[in-house]
Protein backbone atom coordinates (compact mmCIF):
# COMPACT_ATOMS: atom_id res chain seq x y z
CA UNK A 1 109.85 90.45 101.54
CA UNK A 2 108.27 87.98 99.14
CA UNK A 3 110.62 87.25 96.22
CA UNK A 4 109.02 86.32 92.93
CA UNK A 5 110.35 84.48 89.91
CA UNK A 6 110.12 86.80 86.92
CA UNK A 7 110.64 86.38 83.22
CA UNK A 8 113.52 88.53 81.87
CA UNK A 9 111.21 90.82 79.85
CA UNK A 10 108.47 90.96 82.47
CA UNK A 11 107.44 94.44 83.57
CA UNK A 12 108.33 95.21 87.15
CA UNK A 13 106.48 97.49 89.52
CA UNK A 14 107.93 98.70 92.80
CA UNK A 15 105.02 98.57 95.25
CA UNK A 16 105.22 100.82 98.28
CA UNK A 17 102.73 100.04 101.03
CA UNK A 18 102.25 102.69 103.71
CA UNK A 19 100.57 101.60 106.92
CA UNK A 20 99.14 103.92 109.56
CA UNK A 21 98.61 102.82 113.15
CA UNK A 22 94.81 103.01 113.35
CA UNK A 23 94.88 102.96 117.16
CA UNK A 24 96.40 106.44 117.33
CA UNK A 25 95.52 109.69 115.59
CA UNK A 26 97.91 110.50 112.76
CA UNK A 27 100.29 113.31 113.70
CA UNK A 28 101.87 113.97 110.31
CA UNK A 29 104.82 116.33 110.54
CA UNK A 30 107.10 117.83 107.91
CA UNK A 31 109.91 115.59 109.21
CA UNK A 32 107.76 112.45 108.85
CA UNK A 33 106.78 113.50 105.36
CA UNK A 34 110.43 113.96 104.38
CA UNK A 35 111.37 110.58 105.91
CA UNK A 36 108.50 108.79 104.14
CA UNK A 37 109.37 110.33 100.78
CA UNK A 38 113.09 109.62 101.18
CA UNK A 39 112.43 105.97 102.07
CA UNK A 40 109.95 105.52 99.20
CA UNK A 41 112.27 107.13 96.66
CA UNK A 42 115.26 105.09 97.84
CA UNK A 43 113.25 101.89 97.44
CA UNK A 44 111.72 102.89 94.11
CA UNK A 45 114.98 103.98 92.53
CA UNK A 46 117.02 101.01 93.78
CA UNK A 47 114.78 98.47 92.06
CA UNK A 48 114.89 97.72 88.33
CA UNK A 49 111.24 98.70 87.95
CA UNK A 50 109.58 100.76 85.23
CA UNK A 51 106.71 101.80 87.50
CA UNK A 52 106.08 102.66 91.12
CA UNK A 53 102.77 101.96 92.83
CA UNK A 54 101.76 103.56 96.11
CA UNK A 55 99.32 101.58 98.25
CA UNK A 56 98.17 103.88 101.06
CA UNK A 57 94.63 103.82 102.45
CA UNK A 58 93.72 106.97 104.32
CA UNK A 59 90.77 108.27 106.25
CA UNK A 60 88.92 111.35 105.10
CA UNK A 61 90.93 113.49 107.52
CA UNK A 62 94.21 112.09 106.09
CA UNK A 63 93.60 112.69 102.38
CA UNK A 64 96.00 115.62 102.17
CA UNK A 65 98.73 113.39 103.60
CA UNK A 66 98.24 110.98 100.69
CA UNK A 67 98.16 113.80 98.13
CA UNK A 68 101.33 115.31 99.61
CA UNK A 69 103.13 111.97 99.50
CA UNK A 70 102.03 111.28 95.92
CA UNK A 71 103.07 114.78 94.85
CA UNK A 72 106.49 114.40 96.46
CA UNK A 73 106.96 110.98 94.85
CA UNK A 74 105.97 112.35 91.44
CA UNK A 75 108.51 115.16 91.79
CA UNK A 76 111.23 112.79 92.98
CA UNK A 77 110.66 110.18 90.29
CA UNK A 78 110.51 112.66 87.44
CA UNK A 79 109.08 111.50 84.15
CA UNK A 80 111.30 108.43 83.84
CA UNK A 81 109.03 106.16 85.92
CA UNK A 82 105.27 105.79 85.86
CA UNK A 83 103.48 106.46 89.12
CA UNK A 84 100.42 104.44 90.05
CA UNK A 85 98.31 104.45 93.18
CA UNK A 86 95.72 102.11 94.59
CA UNK A 87 92.40 103.58 95.63
CA UNK A 88 89.28 102.57 97.42
CA UNK A 89 86.62 102.12 94.76
CA UNK A 90 84.53 104.87 96.34
CA UNK A 91 87.35 107.36 95.80
CA UNK A 92 87.00 106.79 92.06
CA UNK A 93 83.25 106.86 91.99
CA UNK A 94 81.70 109.29 94.43
CA UNK A 95 84.52 111.57 95.55
CA UNK A 96 86.35 114.38 93.77
CA UNK A 97 89.48 114.91 95.89
CA UNK A 98 91.39 112.17 94.07
CA UNK A 99 91.44 114.32 90.93
CA UNK A 100 94.32 116.25 92.53
CA UNK A 101 96.59 113.18 92.63
CA UNK A 102 99.47 113.64 90.13
CA UNK A 103 99.62 110.01 89.02
CA UNK A 104 99.62 108.16 85.72
CA UNK A 105 97.23 105.46 86.89
CA UNK A 106 94.68 104.90 89.65
CA UNK A 107 93.83 101.29 90.54
CA UNK A 108 90.41 100.95 92.18
CA UNK A 109 90.33 98.01 94.56
CA UNK A 110 87.29 95.75 94.12
CA UNK A 111 87.67 93.78 97.34
CA UNK A 112 86.82 94.20 101.00
CA UNK A 113 84.49 96.99 100.01
CA UNK A 114 82.30 98.74 102.52
CA UNK A 115 78.71 99.97 102.23
CA UNK A 116 77.73 100.52 98.63
CA UNK A 117 80.24 97.99 97.34
CA UNK A 118 77.64 95.53 96.08
CA UNK A 119 75.76 98.26 94.21
CA UNK A 120 78.96 99.53 92.60
CA UNK A 121 80.01 96.01 91.56
CA UNK A 122 76.54 95.48 90.11
CA UNK A 123 76.75 98.69 88.09
CA UNK A 124 80.22 97.76 86.79
CA UNK A 125 79.00 94.26 85.87
CA UNK A 126 76.20 95.86 83.81
CA UNK A 127 78.68 97.97 81.83
CA UNK A 128 78.80 101.09 83.99
CA UNK A 129 82.08 102.67 84.99
CA UNK A 130 83.84 104.89 87.49
CA UNK A 131 83.26 108.63 87.35
CA UNK A 132 86.99 109.43 87.37
CA UNK A 133 88.43 108.50 83.95
CA UNK A 134 91.88 107.70 85.38
CA UNK A 135 90.25 104.83 87.29
CA UNK A 136 89.20 103.09 84.08
CA UNK A 137 92.44 101.51 82.92
CA UNK A 138 93.16 99.06 85.77
CA UNK A 139 91.39 97.08 88.48
CA UNK A 140 92.62 95.46 91.68
CA UNK A 141 91.27 92.18 93.03
CA UNK A 142 92.27 89.81 95.83
CA UNK A 143 92.70 86.05 95.67
CA UNK A 144 90.65 85.49 98.81
CA UNK A 145 87.60 87.38 97.47
CA UNK A 146 87.54 86.76 93.70
CA UNK A 147 84.94 88.78 91.80
CA UNK A 148 82.32 87.20 89.58
CA UNK A 149 83.23 89.58 86.73
CA UNK A 150 85.91 91.99 85.58
CA UNK A 151 85.38 95.13 83.52
CA UNK A 152 86.82 94.50 80.05
CA UNK A 153 90.09 95.95 78.84
CA UNK A 154 91.67 96.67 82.23
CA UNK A 155 95.12 95.94 83.50
CA UNK A 156 94.62 93.47 86.32
CA UNK A 157 96.44 93.76 89.64
CA UNK A 158 96.01 90.76 91.92
CA UNK A 159 96.74 90.94 95.63
CA UNK A 160 97.24 87.82 97.69
CA UNK A 161 96.99 88.14 101.48
CA UNK A 162 99.09 84.99 101.76
CA UNK A 163 102.42 84.04 100.25
CA UNK A 164 102.09 83.26 96.53
CA UNK A 165 102.39 79.61 95.54
CA UNK A 166 101.89 77.55 92.40
CA UNK A 167 98.36 76.45 93.39
CA UNK A 168 97.16 80.03 93.98
CA UNK A 169 98.67 81.12 90.69
CA UNK A 170 97.06 78.22 88.78
CA UNK A 171 93.67 79.04 90.33
CA UNK A 172 94.09 82.69 89.35
CA UNK A 173 94.90 81.79 85.74
CA UNK A 174 91.88 79.47 85.57
CA UNK A 175 89.50 82.04 87.11
CA UNK A 176 90.62 84.97 84.97
CA UNK A 177 90.38 82.88 81.78
CA UNK A 178 86.58 82.78 82.17
CA UNK A 179 86.33 86.60 82.17
């Protein structure tokens, strides 16, 4: 939907965003699961990307849906492509269910955080870290809520709620240079 100009050697990640209608209860069926996996695999395998990232926020009652989808993607992708998933920061810090996700990388999102977000950011800023070790290699931020710090040595994923432009990119480069 939003084409980007890439350098020839630049790593490419196929990002799959799954959205649930929050106005209705999720009625996840085997047929829907098969359709979702087929669509995700078609997209992920058609692109010249080395990695696939699943962005799918779920409620507590929907966690198994996410784990099922991630497991099906892992099986469909095989070992040739890395599989990454975004995660609410709390999933990486205070919850254990995410340990069952068969992924190579978990990207905790440090923006639009709910209760406890300020305390977690404070602990990370002081050198603390996430409980789940797979959440310690990358971090996700958003251009509209830039953090005042970034944990060192992490791969940085930046999400922009608007269309990327040269000014946003220049601001991002300037901001991240100070970390």
